C-alpha atoms as a PDB file:
ATOM      1  CA  GLN A   1     -15.279   8.880 -11.234  1.00  0.00           C
ATOM      2  CA  VAL A   2     -12.253  10.495  -9.648  1.00  0.00           C
ATOM      3  CA  GLN A   3      -9.445   8.097  -8.836  1.00  0.00           C
ATOM      4  CA  LEU A   4      -6.229   8.758  -6.954  1.00  0.00           C
ATOM      5  CA  GLU A   5      -3.100   6.644  -6.846  1.00  0.00           C
ATOM      6  CA  GLU A   6      -0.222   7.334  -4.484  1.00  0.00           C
ATOM      7  CA  SER A   7       3.343   6.142  -4.865  1.00  0.00           C
ATOM      8  CA  GLY A   8       6.760   6.794  -3.412  1.00  0.00           C
ATOM      9  CA  GLY A   9       6.492   5.390   0.083  1.00  0.00           C
ATOM     10  CA  GLY A  10       9.214   3.315   1.657  1.00  0.00           C
ATOM     11  CA  LEU A  11      11.555   2.720   4.557  1.00  0.00           C
ATOM     12  CA  VAL A  12      13.916   5.563   5.400  1.00  0.00           C
ATOM     13  CA  ARG A  13      16.051   6.680   8.332  1.00  0.00           C
ATOM     14  CA  THR A  14      15.571   9.601  10.666  1.00  0.00           C
ATOM     15  CA  GLY A  15      16.591  12.807   8.927  1.00  0.00           C
ATOM     16  CA  ASP A  16      16.090  11.439   5.426  1.00  0.00           C
ATOM     17  CA  SER A  17      13.840  12.886   2.743  1.00  0.00           C
ATOM     18  CA  LEU A  18      11.139  11.243   0.675  1.00  0.00           C
ATOM     19  CA  GLU A  19       8.746  12.475  -2.000  1.00  0.00           C
ATOM     20  CA  LEU A  20       5.301  11.006  -2.444  1.00  0.00           C
ATOM     21  CA  SER A  21       3.301  11.387  -5.633  1.00  0.00           C
ATOM     22  CA  CYS A  22      -0.416  11.114  -6.276  1.00  0.00           C
ATOM     23  CA  VAL A  23      -1.810  10.812  -9.772  1.00  0.00           C
ATOM     24  CA  PHE A  24      -5.361  12.046 -10.353  1.00  0.00           C
ATOM     25  CA  SER A  25      -7.721  10.687 -13.005  1.00  0.00           C
ATOM     26  CA  GLY A  26     -11.404  10.795 -13.844  1.00  0.00           C
ATOM     27  CA  GLY A  27     -11.926  14.532 -13.768  1.00  0.00           C
ATOM     28  CA  THR A  28     -10.385  17.937 -14.384  1.00  0.00           C
ATOM     29  CA  PHE A  29      -7.480  18.002 -11.972  1.00  0.00           C
ATOM     30  CA  SER A  30      -6.983  21.744 -12.075  1.00  0.00           C
ATOM     31  CA  MET A  31     -10.461  22.254 -10.633  1.00  0.00           C
ATOM     32  CA  TYR A  32      -9.686  20.354  -7.432  1.00  0.00           C
ATOM     33  CA  ALA A  33      -7.921  21.342  -4.275  1.00  0.00           C
ATOM     34  CA  MET A  34      -5.834  18.449  -2.974  1.00  0.00           C
ATOM     35  CA  ALA A  35      -4.816  17.299   0.464  1.00  0.00           C
ATOM     36  CA  TRP A  36      -2.594  14.767   2.158  1.00  0.00           C
ATOM     37  CA  PHE A  37      -3.596  12.860   5.265  1.00  0.00           C
ATOM     38  CA  ARG A  38      -1.839  10.164   7.237  1.00  0.00           C
ATOM     39  CA  GLN A  39      -2.780   7.434   9.668  1.00  0.00           C
ATOM     40  CA  ALA A  40      -0.432   5.712  12.050  1.00  0.00           C
ATOM     41  CA  PRO A  41      -1.288   2.337  13.607  1.00  0.00           C
ATOM     42  CA  GLY A  42      -3.800   2.710  16.408  1.00  0.00           C
ATOM     43  CA  LEU A  43      -4.305   6.398  15.779  1.00  0.00           C
ATOM     44  CA  GLU A  44      -6.933   8.443  14.003  1.00  0.00           C
ATOM     45  CA  ARG A  45      -6.366   9.805  10.553  1.00  0.00           C
ATOM     46  CA  GLU A  46      -4.517  13.125  10.660  1.00  0.00           C
ATOM     47  CA  PHE A  47      -4.538  16.051   8.248  1.00  0.00           C
ATOM     48  CA  VAL A  48      -1.067  16.746   6.857  1.00  0.00           C
ATOM     49  CA  GLY A  49      -1.538  19.560   4.380  1.00  0.00           C
ATOM     50  CA  TYR A  50      -3.550  21.125   1.605  1.00  0.00           C
ATOM     51  CA  ILE A  51      -2.941  22.872  -1.694  1.00  0.00           C
ATOM     52  CA  ASN A  52      -5.469  24.862  -3.672  1.00  0.00           C
ATOM     53  CA  TRP A  53      -6.328  24.301  -7.331  1.00  0.00           C
ATOM     54  CA  SER A  54      -3.606  26.544  -8.707  1.00  0.00           C
ATOM     55  CA  GLY A  55      -0.866  25.769  -6.206  1.00  0.00           C
ATOM     56  CA  GLY A  56      -0.887  29.341  -5.019  1.00  0.00           C
ATOM     57  CA  ASP A  57      -2.123  28.571  -1.533  1.00  0.00           C
ATOM     58  CA  SER A  58      -1.255  25.827   0.900  1.00  0.00           C
ATOM     59  CA  ASN A  59      -1.342  25.082   4.587  1.00  0.00           C
ATOM     60  CA  TYR A  60       0.074  22.417   6.854  1.00  0.00           C
ATOM     61  CA  ALA A  61      -0.412  20.737  10.168  1.00  0.00           C
ATOM     62  CA  ASP A  62       1.832  22.158  12.866  1.00  0.00           C
ATOM     63  CA  SER A  63       3.530  18.780  13.204  1.00  0.00           C
ATOM     64  CA  VAL A  64       4.959  18.978   9.670  1.00  0.00           C
ATOM     65  CA  LYS A  65       5.192  22.714   9.045  1.00  0.00           C
ATOM     66  CA  GLY A  66       8.629  23.685   7.823  1.00  0.00           C
ATOM     67  CA  ARG A  67       9.533  20.086   6.939  1.00  0.00           C
ATOM     68  CA  PHE A  68       6.866  19.056   4.420  1.00  0.00           C
ATOM     69  CA  THR A  69       5.927  20.806   1.190  1.00  0.00           C
ATOM     70  CA  ILE A  70       2.977  20.102  -1.084  1.00  0.00           C
ATOM     71  CA  SER A  71       3.172  21.014  -4.741  1.00  0.00           C
ATOM     72  CA  ARG A  72       1.235  20.152  -7.860  1.00  0.00           C
ATOM     73  CA  ASP A  73       1.738  19.895 -11.593  1.00  0.00           C
ATOM     74  CA  ASN A  74      -1.586  20.442 -13.304  1.00  0.00           C
ATOM     75  CA  ALA A  75      -0.142  19.392 -16.658  1.00  0.00           C
ATOM     76  CA  LYS A  76       0.695  15.989 -15.178  1.00  0.00           C
ATOM     77  CA  ASN A  77      -2.425  15.615 -13.005  1.00  0.00           C
ATOM     78  CA  THR A  78      -0.109  15.008 -10.079  1.00  0.00           C
ATOM     79  CA  VAL A  79       0.262  16.320  -6.552  1.00  0.00           C
ATOM     80  CA  TYR A  80       3.435  15.816  -4.553  1.00  0.00           C
ATOM     81  CA  LEU A  81       4.360  15.667  -0.888  1.00  0.00           C
ATOM     82  CA  GLN A  82       8.018  16.436  -0.277  1.00  0.00           C
ATOM     83  CA  MET A  83       9.000  15.280   3.195  1.00  0.00           C
ATOM     84  CA  ASN A  84      12.295  16.419   4.688  1.00  0.00           C
ATOM     85  CA  SER A  85      13.910  15.833   8.071  1.00  0.00           C
ATOM     86  CA  LEU A  86      11.748  12.791   8.629  1.00  0.00           C
ATOM     87  CA  LYS A  87      11.150  11.567  12.168  1.00  0.00           C
ATOM     88  CA  PRO A  88       9.972   8.190  13.483  1.00  0.00           C
ATOM     89  CA  GLU A  89       6.676   9.839  14.425  1.00  0.00           C
ATOM     90  CA  ASP A  90       6.078  10.501  10.717  1.00  0.00           C
ATOM     91  CA  THR A  91       5.642   6.758  10.220  1.00  0.00           C
ATOM     92  CA  ALA A  92       2.159   6.212   8.811  1.00  0.00           C
ATOM     93  CA  VAL A  93       0.142   5.332   5.753  1.00  0.00           C
ATOM     94  CA  TYR A  94      -0.118   8.475   3.682  1.00  0.00           C
ATOM     95  CA  TYR A  95      -3.216   9.216   1.629  1.00  0.00           C
ATOM     96  CA  CYS A  96      -3.952  11.852  -0.930  1.00  0.00           C
ATOM     97  CA  ALA A  97      -7.507  13.080  -1.089  1.00  0.00           C
ATOM     98  CA  THR A  98      -9.787  15.486  -2.896  1.00  0.00           C
ATOM     99  CA  GLY A  99     -13.361  16.625  -2.872  1.00  0.00           C
ATOM    100  CA  LEU A 100     -12.486  18.205   0.448  1.00  0.00           C
ATOM    101  CA  THR A 101     -15.234  18.683   3.022  1.00  0.00           C
ATOM    102  CA  GLY A 102     -14.132  20.097   6.325  1.00  0.00           C
ATOM    103  CA  ASN A 103     -11.465  17.777   7.694  1.00  0.00           C
ATOM    104  CA  SER A 104     -12.421  14.934   5.401  1.00  0.00           C
ATOM    105  CA  ALA A 105     -12.768  14.196   1.693  1.00  0.00           C
ATOM    106  CA  THR A 106     -14.907  12.442  -0.843  1.00  0.00           C
ATOM    107  CA  TYR A 107     -12.163  10.754  -2.834  1.00  0.00           C
ATOM    108  CA  TRP A 108      -9.189   8.889  -1.407  1.00  0.00           C
ATOM    109  CA  GLY A 109      -6.222   7.015  -2.750  1.00  0.00           C
ATOM    110  CA  GLN A 110      -5.274   3.583  -1.519  1.00  0.00           C
ATOM    111  CA  GLY A 111      -2.416   4.928   0.592  1.00  0.00           C
ATOM    112  CA  THR A 112       1.326   4.426   0.619  1.00  0.00           C
ATOM    113  CA  GLN A 113       3.347   3.313   3.640  1.00  0.00           C
ATOM    114  CA  VAL A 114       6.107   5.521   4.983  1.00  0.00           C
ATOM    115  CA  THR A 115       8.284   4.053   7.720  1.00  0.00           C
ATOM    116  CA  VAL A 116      10.987   6.100   9.415  1.00  0.00           C
ATOM    117  CA  SER A 117      13.493   4.154  11.462  1.00  0.00           C
ATOM    118  CA  SER A 118      15.343   5.685  14.392  1.00  0.00           C
END
């Protein structure tokens, strides 16, 4: 059974950077595309970005394009979300996910809170 565990969230200020990590277990990581989603209080879950199995292809939501970067280390079974120039509107619980189906996924981590103060 695939399991995902995020870490790295916290409280930062506007303009700061933060890197989230997600460790994959229970399968062959290099076979899975990975994605990050986020959900702010009172709002629906939002797609943040995606990276393919090799790391050679990625795409991002317009709201984070140019500020966020997803990368992966297949030797470490880990996917990363580097977030730069953070804004208060980036405040949310961030989830990594895999087993992607359309705009959703089969497997989800427990989430990590990111709070950006103004």
